[in-house]
Amino acid sequence: MKKYESLFILDVRKVEDEGNALSKEFCSLIEGWGGKMTAADAMGRLQFSYEIKKRKAGIYWDFHFELAEDKVNLIKEQYALDERVLRILTIIDERPENAVTCFQTPIADDAE
């Protein structure tokens, strides 16, 4: 399994709980496909530099996980028609093991 990072931009008008429900849904989806979540970070509400689907701001979520390569395309297929999601970006996470980002919080801390 490879390490991946997905950034979700959620529609402010369609999400009531700042994206917590979608985050839990995404984590259970990854684990259901045999993957492992390593971090799920709420980055908050941010203004766009240009409008996306007539919206001026969105709620950002950053997910770090391990998943089989053949399952990664299913993420986009799963959320392509979801009204809550404005954009999704999924990339291979090639950072060194000891690299720390300012947004990264271990998933175990959220479960407590």
PDB file of N, CA and C in Angstrom:
ATOM      1  N   MET A   1       0.836  -1.185   0.000  1.00  0.00           N
ATOM      2  CA  MET A   1       0.000   0.000   0.000  1.00  0.00           C
ATOM      3  C   MET A   1       0.879   1.246   0.000  1.00  0.00           C
ATOM      4  N   LYS A   2       0.443   2.238  -0.759  1.00  0.00           N
ATOM      5  CA  LYS A   2       1.143   3.516  -0.817  1.00  0.00           C
ATOM      6  C   LYS A   2       0.472   4.521   0.103  1.00  0.00           C
ATOM      7  N   LYS A   3       1.226   5.554   0.436  1.00  0.00           N
ATOM      8  CA  LYS A   3       0.688   6.646   1.243  1.00  0.00           C
ATOM      9  C   LYS A   3       0.126   7.716   0.316  1.00  0.00           C
ATOM     10  N   TYR A   4      -1.031   8.247   0.689  1.00  0.00           N
ATOM     11  CA  TYR A   4      -1.697   9.276  -0.101  1.00  0.00           C
ATOM     12  C   TYR A   4      -2.152  10.405   0.799  1.00  0.00           C
ATOM     13  N   GLU A   5      -2.389  11.540   0.157  1.00  0.00           N
ATOM     14  CA  GLU A   5      -2.970  12.687   0.836  1.00  0.00           C
ATOM     15  C   GLU A   5      -4.117  13.197  -0.030  1.00  0.00           C
ATOM     16  N   SER A   6      -5.266  13.423   0.580  1.00  0.00           N
ATOM     17  CA  SER A   6      -6.417  13.969  -0.135  1.00  0.00           C
ATOM     18  C   SER A   6      -6.846  15.267   0.532  1.00  0.00           C
ATOM     19  N   LEU A   7      -7.074  16.260  -0.289  1.00  0.00           N
ATOM     20  CA  LEU A   7      -7.574  17.542   0.189  1.00  0.00           C
ATOM     21  C   LEU A   7      -8.986  17.712  -0.349  1.00  0.00           C
ATOM     22  N   PHE A   8      -9.926  17.894   0.550  1.00  0.00           N
ATOM     23  CA  PHE A   8     -11.331  18.105   0.181  1.00  0.00           C
ATOM     24  C   PHE A   8     -11.687  19.564   0.452  1.00  0.00           C
ATOM     25  N   ILE A   9     -12.397  20.174  -0.484  1.00  0.00           N
ATOM     26  CA  ILE A   9     -12.979  21.501  -0.264  1.00  0.00           C
ATOM     27  C   ILE A   9     -14.488  21.299  -0.252  1.00  0.00           C
ATOM     28  N   LEU A  10     -15.101  21.620   0.879  1.00  0.00           N
ATOM     29  CA  LEU A  10     -16.528  21.389   1.071  1.00  0.00           C
ATOM     30  C   LEU A  10     -17.320  22.683   0.907  1.00  0.00           C
ATOM     31  N   ASP A  11     -18.537  22.539   0.429  1.00  0.00           N
ATOM     32  CA  ASP A  11     -19.446  23.660   0.224  1.00  0.00           C
ATOM     33  C   ASP A  11     -19.981  24.126   1.575  1.00  0.00           C
ATOM     34  N   VAL A  12     -19.773  25.387   1.877  1.00  0.00           N
ATOM     35  CA  VAL A  12     -20.197  25.963   3.158  1.00  0.00           C
ATOM     36  C   VAL A  12     -21.702  25.854   3.347  1.00  0.00           C
ATOM     37  N   ARG A  13     -22.461  25.996   2.284  1.00  0.00           N
ATOM     38  CA  ARG A  13     -23.926  25.984   2.384  1.00  0.00           C
ATOM     39  C   ARG A  13     -24.513  24.584   2.526  1.00  0.00           C
ATOM     40  N   LYS A  14     -23.763  23.561   2.151  1.00  0.00           N
ATOM     41  CA  LYS A  14     -24.275  22.186   2.189  1.00  0.00           C
ATOM     42  C   LYS A  14     -23.829  21.412   3.417  1.00  0.00           C
ATOM     43  N   VAL A  15     -22.861  21.952   4.167  1.00  0.00           N
ATOM     44  CA  VAL A  15     -22.298  21.257   5.326  1.00  0.00           C
ATOM     45  C   VAL A  15     -22.664  22.028   6.580  1.00  0.00           C
ATOM     46  N   GLU A  16     -23.292  21.348   7.526  1.00  0.00           N
ATOM     47  CA  GLU A  16     -23.735  22.015   8.750  1.00  0.00           C
ATOM     48  C   GLU A  16     -22.766  21.848   9.915  1.00  0.00           C
ATOM     49  N   ASP A  17     -21.997  20.784   9.937  1.00  0.00           N
ATOM     50  CA  ASP A  17     -21.152  20.473  11.095  1.00  0.00           C
ATOM     51  C   ASP A  17     -19.667  20.667  10.802  1.00  0.00           C
ATOM     52  N   GLU A  18     -19.340  21.627   9.937  1.00  0.00           N
ATOM     53  CA  GLU A  18     -17.966  21.926   9.536  1.00  0.00           C
ATOM     54  C   GLU A  18     -17.255  20.722   8.914  1.00  0.00           C
ATOM     55  N   GLY A  19     -18.009  19.767   8.408  1.00  0.00           N
ATOM     56  CA  GLY A  19     -17.440  18.632   7.697  1.00  0.00           C
ATOM     57  C   GLY A  19     -17.099  17.429   8.543  1.00  0.00           C
ATOM     58  N   ASN A  20     -17.464  17.425   9.812  1.00  0.00           N
ATOM     59  CA  ASN A  20     -17.128  16.300  10.688  1.00  0.00           C
ATOM     60  C   ASN A  20     -17.796  15.001  10.230  1.00  0.00           C
ATOM     61  N   ALA A  21     -19.028  15.083   9.780  1.00  0.00           N
ATOM     62  CA  ALA A  21     -19.728  13.879   9.307  1.00  0.00           C
ATOM     63  C   ALA A  21     -19.057  13.315   8.063  1.00  0.00           C
ATOM     64  N   LEU A  22     -18.673  14.183   7.144  1.00  0.00           N
ATOM     65  CA  LEU A  22     -17.982  13.718   5.943  1.00  0.00           C
ATOM     66  C   LEU A  22     -16.626  13.121   6.296  1.00  0.00           C
ATOM     67  N   SER A  23     -15.951  13.684   7.267  1.00  0.00           N
ATOM     68  CA  SER A  23     -14.663  13.163   7.702  1.00  0.00           C
ATOM     69  C   SER A  23     -14.798  11.739   8.249  1.00  0.00           C
ATOM     70  N   LYS A  24     -15.779  11.525   9.095  1.00  0.00           N
ATOM     71  CA  LYS A  24     -16.001  10.185   9.645  1.00  0.00           C
ATOM     72  C   LYS A  24     -16.392   9.211   8.540  1.00  0.00           C
ATOM     73  N   GLU A  25     -17.209   9.671   7.610  1.00  0.00           N
ATOM     74  CA  GLU A  25     -17.627   8.847   6.472  1.00  0.00           C
ATOM     75  C   GLU A  25     -16.417   8.453   5.614  1.00  0.00           C
ATOM     76  N   PHE A  26     -15.532   9.418   5.344  1.00  0.00           N
ATOM     77  CA  PHE A  26     -14.358   9.153   4.528  1.00  0.00           C
ATOM     78  C   PHE A  26     -13.407   8.177   5.227  1.00  0.00           C
ATOM     79  N   CYS A  27     -13.209   8.364   6.527  1.00  0.00           N
ATOM     80  CA  CYS A  27     -12.330   7.466   7.286  1.00  0.00           C
ATOM     81  C   CYS A  27     -12.858   6.029   7.271  1.00  0.00           C
ATOM     82  N   SER A  28     -14.154   5.860   7.473  1.00  0.00           N
ATOM     83  CA  SER A  28     -14.724   4.516   7.455  1.00  0.00           C
ATOM     84  C   SER A  28     -14.683   3.916   6.052  1.00  0.00           C
ATOM     85  N   LEU A  29     -14.799   4.752   5.026  1.00  0.00           N
ATOM     86  CA  LEU A  29     -14.718   4.279   3.646  1.00  0.00           C
ATOM     87  C   LEU A  29     -13.315   3.747   3.340  1.00  0.00           C
ATOM     88  N   ILE A  30     -12.295   4.485   3.719  1.00  0.00           N
ATOM     89  CA  ILE A  30     -10.906   4.060   3.488  1.00  0.00           C
ATOM     90  C   ILE A  30     -10.622   2.763   4.225  1.00  0.00           C
ATOM     91  N   GLU A  31     -11.045   2.675   5.478  1.00  0.00           N
ATOM     92  CA  GLU A  31     -10.823   1.455   6.251  1.00  0.00           C
ATOM     93  C   GLU A  31     -11.634   0.294   5.700  1.00  0.00           C
ATOM     94  N   GLY A  32     -12.801   0.561   5.143  1.00  0.00           N
ATOM     95  CA  GLY A  32     -13.616  -0.470   4.515  1.00  0.00           C
ATOM     96  C   GLY A  32     -12.975  -1.034   3.255  1.00  0.00           C
ATOM     97  N   TRP A  33     -12.172  -0.226   2.578  1.00  0.00           N
ATOM     98  CA  TRP A  33     -11.459  -0.683   1.391  1.00  0.00           C
ATOM     99  C   TRP A  33     -10.132  -1.339   1.735  1.00  0.00           C
ATOM    100  N   GLY A  34      -9.855  -1.527   3.020  1.00  0.00           N
ATOM    101  CA  GLY A  34      -8.618  -2.179   3.442  1.00  0.00           C
ATOM    102  C   GLY A  34      -7.463  -1.229   3.660  1.00  0.00           C
ATOM    103  N   GLY A  35      -7.737   0.064   3.716  1.00  0.00           N
ATOM    104  CA  GLY A  35      -6.694   1.057   3.919  1.00  0.00           C
ATOM    105  C   GLY A  35      -6.530   1.407   5.388  1.00  0.00           C
ATOM    106  N   LYS A  36      -5.647   2.352   5.653  1.00  0.00           N
ATOM    107  CA  LYS A  36      -5.378   2.783   7.023  1.00  0.00           C
ATOM    108  C   LYS A  36      -5.293   4.301   7.051  1.00  0.00           C
ATOM    109  N   MET A  37      -6.123   4.934   7.860  1.00  0.00           N
ATOM    110  CA  MET A  37      -6.075   6.388   8.036  1.00  0.00           C
ATOM    111  C   MET A  37      -4.954   6.728   9.011  1.00  0.00           C
ATOM    112  N   THR A  38      -4.146   7.720   8.664  1.00  0.00           N
ATOM    113  CA  THR A  38      -3.095   8.159   9.576  1.00  0.00           C
ATOM    114  C   THR A  38      -3.380   9.537  10.160  1.00  0.00           C
ATOM    115  N   ALA A  39      -4.123  10.379   9.429  1.00  0.00           N
ATOM    116  CA  ALA A  39      -4.469  11.709   9.950  1.00  0.00           C
ATOM    117  C   ALA A  39      -5.677  12.262   9.209  1.00  0.00           C
ATOM    118  N   ALA A  40      -6.494  12.997   9.942  1.00  0.00           N
ATOM    119  CA  ALA A  40      -7.636  13.711   9.363  1.00  0.00           C
ATOM    120  C   ALA A  40      -7.650  15.089  10.015  1.00  0.00           C
ATOM    121  N   ASP A  41      -7.376  16.106   9.220  1.00  0.00           N
ATOM    122  CA  ASP A  41      -7.192  17.446   9.759  1.00  0.00           C
ATOM    123  C   ASP A  41      -8.201  18.431   9.192  1.00  0.00           C
ATOM    124  N   ALA A  42      -8.915  19.083  10.086  1.00  0.00           N
ATOM    125  CA  ALA A  42      -9.825  20.157   9.681  1.00  0.00           C
ATOM    126  C   ALA A  42      -8.992  21.423   9.570  1.00  0.00           C
ATOM    127  N   MET A  43      -8.943  21.998   8.381  1.00  0.00           N
ATOM    128  CA  MET A  43      -8.146  23.199   8.162  1.00  0.00           C
ATOM    129  C   MET A  43      -8.994  24.458   8.268  1.00  0.00           C
ATOM    130  N   GLY A  44     -10.301  24.282   8.409  1.00  0.00           N
ATOM    131  CA  GLY A  44     -11.182  25.423   8.619  1.00  0.00           C
ATOM    132  C   GLY A  44     -11.746  26.016   7.348  1.00  0.00           C
ATOM    133  N   ARG A  45     -12.437  27.121   7.538  1.00  0.00           N
ATOM    134  CA  ARG A  45     -13.086  27.830   6.437  1.00  0.00           C
ATOM    135  C   ARG A  45     -12.118  28.863   5.878  1.00  0.00           C
ATOM    136  N   LEU A  46     -11.915  28.804   4.560  1.00  0.00           N
ATOM    137  CA  LEU A  46     -10.980  29.719   3.909  1.00  0.00           C
ATOM    138  C   LEU A  46     -11.626  30.363   2.693  1.00  0.00           C
ATOM    139  N   GLN A  47     -11.246  31.617   2.426  1.00  0.00           N
ATOM    140  CA  GLN A  47     -11.724  32.339   1.252  1.00  0.00           C
ATOM    141  C   GLN A  47     -10.984  31.837   0.015  1.00  0.00           C
ATOM    142  N   PHE A  48     -11.674  31.782  -1.121  1.00  0.00           N
ATOM    143  CA  PHE A  48     -11.066  31.423  -2.389  1.00  0.00           C
ATOM    144  C   PHE A  48     -10.492  32.669  -3.048  1.00  0.00           C
ATOM    145  N   SER A  49      -9.497  32.475  -3.891  1.00  0.00           N
ATOM    146  CA  SER A  49      -8.977  33.600  -4.665  1.00  0.00           C
ATOM    147  C   SER A  49      -9.871  33.878  -5.873  1.00  0.00           C
ATOM    148  N   TYR A  50     -10.648  32.874  -6.280  1.00  0.00           N
ATOM    149  CA  TYR A  50     -11.669  33.036  -7.315  1.00  0.00           C
ATOM    150  C   TYR A  50     -12.827  32.115  -6.984  1.00  0.00           C
ATOM    151  N   GLU A  51     -13.988  32.408  -7.499  1.00  0.00           N
ATOM    152  CA  GLU A  51     -15.178  31.635  -7.167  1.00  0.00           C
ATOM    153  C   GLU A  51     -15.114  30.230  -7.749  1.00  0.00           C
ATOM    154  N   ILE A  52     -15.611  29.280  -6.981  1.00  0.00           N
ATOM    155  CA  ILE A  52     -15.753  27.894  -7.425  1.00  0.00           C
ATOM    156  C   ILE A  52     -17.234  27.551  -7.301  1.00  0.00           C
ATOM    157  N   LYS A  53     -17.871  27.265  -8.397  1.00  0.00           N
ATOM    158  CA  LYS A  53     -19.299  26.953  -8.429  1.00  0.00           C
ATOM    159  C   LYS A  53     -20.128  28.009  -7.685  1.00  0.00           C
ATOM    160  N   LYS A  54     -19.801  29.266  -7.949  1.00  0.00           N
ATOM    161  CA  LYS A  54     -20.487  30.433  -7.379  1.00  0.00           C
ATOM    162  C   LYS A  54     -20.336  30.540  -5.867  1.00  0.00           C
ATOM    163  N   ARG A  55     -19.295  29.946  -5.311  1.00  0.00           N
ATOM    164  CA  ARG A  55     -19.012  30.037  -3.876  1.00  0.00           C
ATOM    165  C   ARG A  55     -17.734  30.835  -3.680  1.00  0.00           C
ATOM    166  N   LYS A  56     -17.677  31.631  -2.621  1.00  0.00           N
ATOM    167  CA  LYS A  56     -16.503  32.458  -2.354  1.00  0.00           C
ATOM    168  C   LYS A  56     -15.627  31.910  -1.249  1.00  0.00           C
ATOM    169  N   ALA A  57     -16.103  30.858  -0.533  1.00  0.00           N
ATOM    170  CA  ALA A  57     -15.328  30.250   0.551  1.00  0.00           C
ATOM    171  C   ALA A  57     -15.688  28.776   0.642  1.00  0.00           C
ATOM    172  N   GLY A  58     -14.828  28.036   1.291  1.00  0.00           N
ATOM    173  CA  GLY A  58     -15.074  26.612   1.473  1.00  0.00           C
ATOM    174  C   GLY A  58     -14.430  26.113   2.751  1.00  0.00           C
ATOM    175  N   ILE A  59     -14.821  24.926   3.156  1.00  0.00           N
ATOM    176  CA  ILE A  59     -14.264  24.274   4.340  1.00  0.00           C
ATOM    177  C   ILE A  59     -13.264  23.235   3.856  1.00  0.00           C
ATOM    178  N   TYR A  60     -12.038  23.347   4.320  1.00  0.00           N
ATOM    179  CA  TYR A  60     -10.950  22.479   3.868  1.00  0.00           C
ATOM    180  C   TYR A  60     -10.703  21.344   4.869  1.00  0.00           C
ATOM    181  N   TRP A  61     -10.530  20.130   4.334  1.00  0.00           N
ATOM    182  CA  TRP A  61     -10.155  18.956   5.125  1.00  0.00           C
ATOM    183  C   TRP A  61      -8.982  18.278   4.444  1.00  0.00           C
ATOM    184  N   ASP A  62      -7.985  17.894   5.225  1.00  0.00           N
ATOM    185  CA  ASP A  62      -6.790  17.231   4.719  1.00  0.00           C
ATOM    186  C   ASP A  62      -6.718  15.835   5.344  1.00  0.00           C
ATOM    187  N   PHE A  63      -6.657  14.810   4.490  1.00  0.00           N
ATOM    188  CA  PHE A  63      -6.616  13.419   4.949  1.00  0.00           C
ATOM    189  C   PHE A  63      -5.319  12.772   4.503  1.00  0.00           C
ATOM    190  N   HIS A  64      -4.682  12.033   5.414  1.00  0.00           N
ATOM    191  CA  HIS A  64      -3.496  11.241   5.105  1.00  0.00           C
ATOM    192  C   HIS A  64      -3.859   9.785   5.360  1.00  0.00           C
ATOM    193  N   PHE A  65      -3.556   8.923   4.393  1.00  0.00           N
ATOM    194  CA  PHE A  65      -3.946   7.524   4.529  1.00  0.00           C
ATOM    195  C   PHE A  65      -3.065   6.630   3.671  1.00  0.00           C
ATOM    196  N   GLU A  66      -3.152   5.339   3.933  1.00  0.00           N
ATOM    197  CA  GLU A  66      -2.492   4.317   3.130  1.00  0.00           C
ATOM    198  C   GLU A  66      -3.582   3.496   2.466  1.00  0.00           C
ATOM    199  N   LEU A  67      -3.407   3.223   1.173  1.00  0.00           N
ATOM    200  CA  LEU A  67      -4.432   2.517   0.419  1.00  0.00           C
ATOM    201  C   LEU A  67      -3.795   1.842  -0.786  1.00  0.00           C
ATOM    202  N   ALA A  68      -4.393   0.741  -1.228  1.00  0.00           N
ATOM    203  CA  ALA A  68      -3.927   0.052  -2.430  1.00  0.00           C
ATOM    204  C   ALA A  68      -4.127   0.959  -3.639  1.00  0.00           C
ATOM    205  N   GLU A  69      -3.201   0.883  -4.585  1.00  0.00           N
ATOM    206  CA  GLU A  69      -3.225   1.774  -5.749  1.00  0.00           C
ATOM    207  C   GLU A  69      -4.514   1.675  -6.562  1.00  0.00           C
ATOM    208  N   ASP A  70      -5.064   0.478  -6.673  1.00  0.00           N
ATOM    209  CA  ASP A  70      -6.265   0.298  -7.503  1.00  0.00           C
ATOM    210  C   ASP A  70      -7.516   0.902  -6.875  1.00  0.00           C
ATOM    211  N   LYS A  71      -7.481   1.241  -5.611  1.00  0.00           N
ATOM    212  CA  LYS A  71      -8.644   1.805  -4.922  1.00  0.00           C
ATOM    213  C   LYS A  71      -8.679   3.335  -4.943  1.00  0.00           C
ATOM    214  N   VAL A  72      -7.568   3.976  -5.297  1.00  0.00           N
ATOM    215  CA  VAL A  72      -7.481   5.435  -5.205  1.00  0.00           C
ATOM    216  C   VAL A  72      -8.462   6.118  -6.148  1.00  0.00           C
ATOM    217  N   ASN A  73      -8.646   5.593  -7.329  1.00  0.00           N
ATOM    218  CA  ASN A  73      -9.593   6.203  -8.272  1.00  0.00           C
ATOM    219  C   ASN A  73     -11.029   6.134  -7.767  1.00  0.00           C
ATOM    220  N   LEU A  74     -11.310   5.193  -6.885  1.00  0.00           N
ATOM    221  CA  LEU A  74     -12.660   5.068  -6.333  1.00  0.00           C
ATOM    222  C   LEU A  74     -13.040   6.266  -5.464  1.00  0.00           C
ATOM    223  N   ILE A  75     -12.041   6.956  -4.916  1.00  0.00           N
ATOM    224  CA  ILE A  75     -12.318   8.135  -4.085  1.00  0.00           C
ATOM    225  C   ILE A  75     -13.023   9.197  -4.922  1.00  0.00           C
ATOM    226  N   LYS A  76     -12.457   9.499  -6.067  1.00  0.00           N
ATOM    227  CA  LYS A  76     -13.067  10.514  -6.929  1.00  0.00           C
ATOM    228  C   LYS A  76     -14.438  10.062  -7.407  1.00  0.00           C
ATOM    229  N   GLU A  77     -14.567   8.791  -7.765  1.00  0.00           N
ATOM    230  CA  GLU A  77     -15.855   8.274  -8.216  1.00  0.00           C
ATOM    231  C   GLU A  77     -16.901   8.356  -7.105  1.00  0.00           C
ATOM    232  N   GLN A  78     -16.481   8.084  -5.865  1.00  0.00           N
ATOM    233  CA  GLN A  78     -17.398   8.078  -4.730  1.00  0.00           C
ATOM    234  C   GLN A  78     -17.963   9.479  -4.454  1.00  0.00           C
ATOM    235  N   TYR A  79     -17.111  10.508  -4.600  1.00  0.00           N
ATOM    236  CA  TYR A  79     -17.520  11.857  -4.208  1.00  0.00           C
ATOM    237  C   TYR A  79     -17.763  12.795  -5.391  1.00  0.00           C
ATOM    238  N   ALA A  80     -17.724  12.295  -6.618  1.00  0.00           N
ATOM    239  CA  ALA A  80     -17.906  13.143  -7.797  1.00  0.00           C
ATOM    240  C   ALA A  80     -19.283  13.812  -7.826  1.00  0.00           C
ATOM    241  N   LEU A  81     -20.299  13.118  -7.425  1.00  0.00           N
ATOM    242  CA  LEU A  81     -21.659  13.669  -7.464  1.00  0.00           C
ATOM    243  C   LEU A  81     -22.171  14.126  -6.099  1.00  0.00           C
ATOM    244  N   ASP A  82     -21.320  14.108  -5.104  1.00  0.00           N
ATOM    245  CA  ASP A  82     -21.703  14.536  -3.761  1.00  0.00           C
ATOM    246  C   ASP A  82     -21.795  16.058  -3.735  1.00  0.00           C
ATOM    247  N   GLU A  83     -22.965  16.586  -3.386  1.00  0.00           N
ATOM    248  CA  GLU A  83     -23.192  18.027  -3.380  1.00  0.00           C
ATOM    249  C   GLU A  83     -22.373  18.763  -2.330  1.00  0.00           C
ATOM    250  N   ARG A  84     -21.926  18.060  -1.301  1.00  0.00           N
ATOM    251  CA  ARG A  84     -21.149  18.694  -0.242  1.00  0.00           C
ATOM    252  C   ARG A  84     -19.728  19.028  -0.682  1.00  0.00           C
ATOM    253  N   VAL A  85     -19.223  18.337  -1.696  1.00  0.00           N
ATOM    254  CA  VAL A  85     -17.824  18.458  -2.110  1.00  0.00           C
ATOM    255  C   VAL A  85     -17.695  19.355  -3.338  1.00  0.00           C
ATOM    256  N   LEU A  86     -16.890  20.415  -3.203  1.00  0.00           N
ATOM    257  CA  LEU A  86     -16.620  21.294  -4.341  1.00  0.00           C
ATOM    258  C   LEU A  86     -15.424  20.788  -5.155  1.00  0.00           C
ATOM    259  N   ARG A  87     -14.358  20.396  -4.481  1.00  0.00           N
ATOM    260  CA  ARG A  87     -13.150  19.909  -5.153  1.00  0.00           C
ATOM    261  C   ARG A  87     -12.481  18.827  -4.311  1.00  0.00           C
ATOM    262  N   ILE A  88     -11.765  17.937  -5.014  1.00  0.00           N
ATOM    263  CA  ILE A  88     -10.956  16.905  -4.366  1.00  0.00           C
ATOM    264  C   ILE A  88      -9.608  16.854  -5.085  1.00  0.00           C
ATOM    265  N   LEU A  89      -8.543  16.779  -4.315  1.00  0.00           N
ATOM    266  CA  LEU A  89      -7.213  16.568  -4.873  1.00  0.00           C
ATOM    267  C   LEU A  89      -6.571  15.427  -4.094  1.00  0.00           C
ATOM    268  N   THR A  90      -6.159  14.374  -4.794  1.00  0.00           N
ATOM    269  CA  THR A  90      -5.497  13.241  -4.158  1.00  0.00           C
ATOM    270  C   THR A  90      -4.125  13.069  -4.798  1.00  0.00           C
ATOM    271  N   ILE A  91      -3.087  13.052  -3.952  1.00  0.00           N
ATOM    272  CA  ILE A  91      -1.725  12.899  -4.433  1.00  0.00           C
ATOM    273  C   ILE A  91      -1.004  11.828  -3.627  1.00  0.00           C
ATOM    274  N   ILE A  92       0.079  11.312  -4.198  1.00  0.00           N
ATOM    275  CA  ILE A  92       0.930  10.369  -3.477  1.00  0.00           C
ATOM    276  C   ILE A  92       1.739  11.168  -2.465  1.00  0.00           C
ATOM    277  N   ASP A  93       1.770  10.704  -1.237  1.00  0.00           N
ATOM    278  CA  ASP A  93       2.484  11.380  -0.155  1.00  0.00           C
ATOM    279  C   ASP A  93       3.893  10.796  -0.085  1.00  0.00           C
ATOM    280  N   GLU A  94       4.868  11.533  -0.598  1.00  0.00           N
ATOM    281  CA  GLU A  94       6.246  11.047  -0.641  1.00  0.00           C
ATOM    282  C   GLU A  94       7.136  11.726   0.386  1.00  0.00           C
ATOM    283  N   ARG A  95       6.543  12.289   1.428  1.00  0.00           N
ATOM    284  CA  ARG A  95       7.328  12.932   2.476  1.00  0.00           C
ATOM    285  C   ARG A  95       8.083  11.894   3.293  1.00  0.00           C
ATOM    286  N   PRO A  96       9.234  12.264   3.823  1.00  0.00           N
ATOM    287  CA  PRO A  96       9.961  11.346   4.708  1.00  0.00           C
ATOM    288  C   PRO A  96       9.138  11.039   5.962  1.00  0.00           C
ATOM    289  N   GLU A  97       9.403   9.903   6.578  1.00  0.00           N
ATOM    290  CA  GLU A  97       8.655   9.467   7.767  1.00  0.00           C
ATOM    291  C   GLU A  97       8.691  10.486   8.898  1.00  0.00           C
ATOM    292  N   ASN A  98       9.822  11.151   9.101  1.00  0.00           N
ATOM    293  CA  ASN A  98       9.958  12.064  10.240  1.00  0.00           C
ATOM    294  C   ASN A  98       9.533  13.496   9.931  1.00  0.00           C
ATOM    295  N   ALA A  99       9.032  13.762   8.726  1.00  0.00           N
ATOM    296  CA  ALA A  99       8.580  15.108   8.372  1.00  0.00           C
ATOM    297  C   ALA A  99       7.284  15.431   9.103  1.00  0.00           C
ATOM    298  N   VAL A 100       7.207  16.637   9.636  1.00  0.00           N
ATOM    299  CA  VAL A 100       6.017  17.073  10.370  1.00  0.00           C
ATOM    300  C   VAL A 100       5.474  18.325   9.696  1.00  0.00           C
ATOM    301  N   THR A 101       4.167  18.360   9.485  1.00  0.00           N
ATOM    302  CA  THR A 101       3.541  19.552   8.934  1.00  0.00           C
ATOM    303  C   THR A 101       2.755  20.236  10.034  1.00  0.00           C
ATOM    304  N   CYS A 102       2.420  21.478   9.821  1.00  0.00           N
ATOM    305  CA  CYS A 102       1.692  22.230  10.847  1.00  0.00           C
ATOM    306  C   CYS A 102       0.250  21.776  10.963  1.00  0.00           C
ATOM    307  N   PHE A 103      -0.307  21.095   9.947  1.00  0.00           N
ATOM    308  CA  PHE A 103      -1.697  20.680   9.979  1.00  0.00           C
ATOM    309  C   PHE A 103      -1.868  19.253  10.480  1.00  0.00           C
ATOM    310  N   GLN A 104      -0.805  18.463  10.492  1.00  0.00           N
ATOM    311  CA  GLN A 104      -0.939  17.038  10.730  1.00  0.00           C
ATOM    312  C   GLN A 104      -1.154  16.723  12.206  1.00  0.00           C
ATOM    313  N   THR A 105      -2.276  16.082  12.494  1.00  0.00           N
ATOM    314  CA  THR A 105      -2.629  15.623  13.823  1.00  0.00           C
ATOM    315  C   THR A 105      -2.888  14.136  13.745  1.00  0.00           C
ATOM    316  N   PRO A 106      -2.327  13.339  14.647  1.00  0.00           N
ATOM    317  CA  PRO A 106      -2.575  11.899  14.588  1.00  0.00           C
ATOM    318  C   PRO A 106      -4.051  11.581  14.738  1.00  0.00           C
ATOM    319  N   ILE A 107      -4.498  10.572  14.034  1.00  0.00           N
ATOM    320  CA  ILE A 107      -5.915  10.179  14.051  1.00  0.00           C
ATOM    321  C   ILE A 107      -6.328   9.646  15.412  1.00  0.00           C
ATOM    322  N   ALA A 108      -5.409   9.085  16.175  1.00  0.00           N
ATOM    323  CA  ALA A 108      -5.716   8.512  17.489  1.00  0.00           C
ATOM    324  C   ALA A 108      -6.187   9.593  18.464  1.00  0.00           C
ATOM    325  N   ASP A 109      -5.680  10.827  18.339  1.00  0.00           N
ATOM    326  CA  ASP A 109      -6.085  11.901  19.228  1.00  0.00           C
ATOM    327  C   ASP A 109      -7.546  12.285  19.044  1.00  0.00           C
ATOM    328  N   ASP A 110      -8.065  12.167  17.816  1.00  0.00           N
ATOM    329  CA  ASP A 110      -9.443  12.514  17.539  1.00  0.00           C
ATOM    330  C   ASP A 110     -10.411  11.494  18.097  1.00  0.00           C
ATOM    331  N   ALA A 111      -9.994  10.229  18.243  1.00  0.00           N
ATOM    332  CA  ALA A 111     -10.869   9.158  18.667  1.00  0.00           C
ATOM    333  C   ALA A 111     -11.170   9.218  20.154  1.00  0.00           C
ATOM    334  N   GLU A 112     -10.334   9.877  20.924  1.00  0.00           N
ATOM    335  CA  GLU A 112     -10.535   9.900  22.371  1.00  0.00           C
ATOM    336  C   GLU A 112     -11.617  10.808  22.814  1.00  0.00           C
TER     337      GLU A 112
END
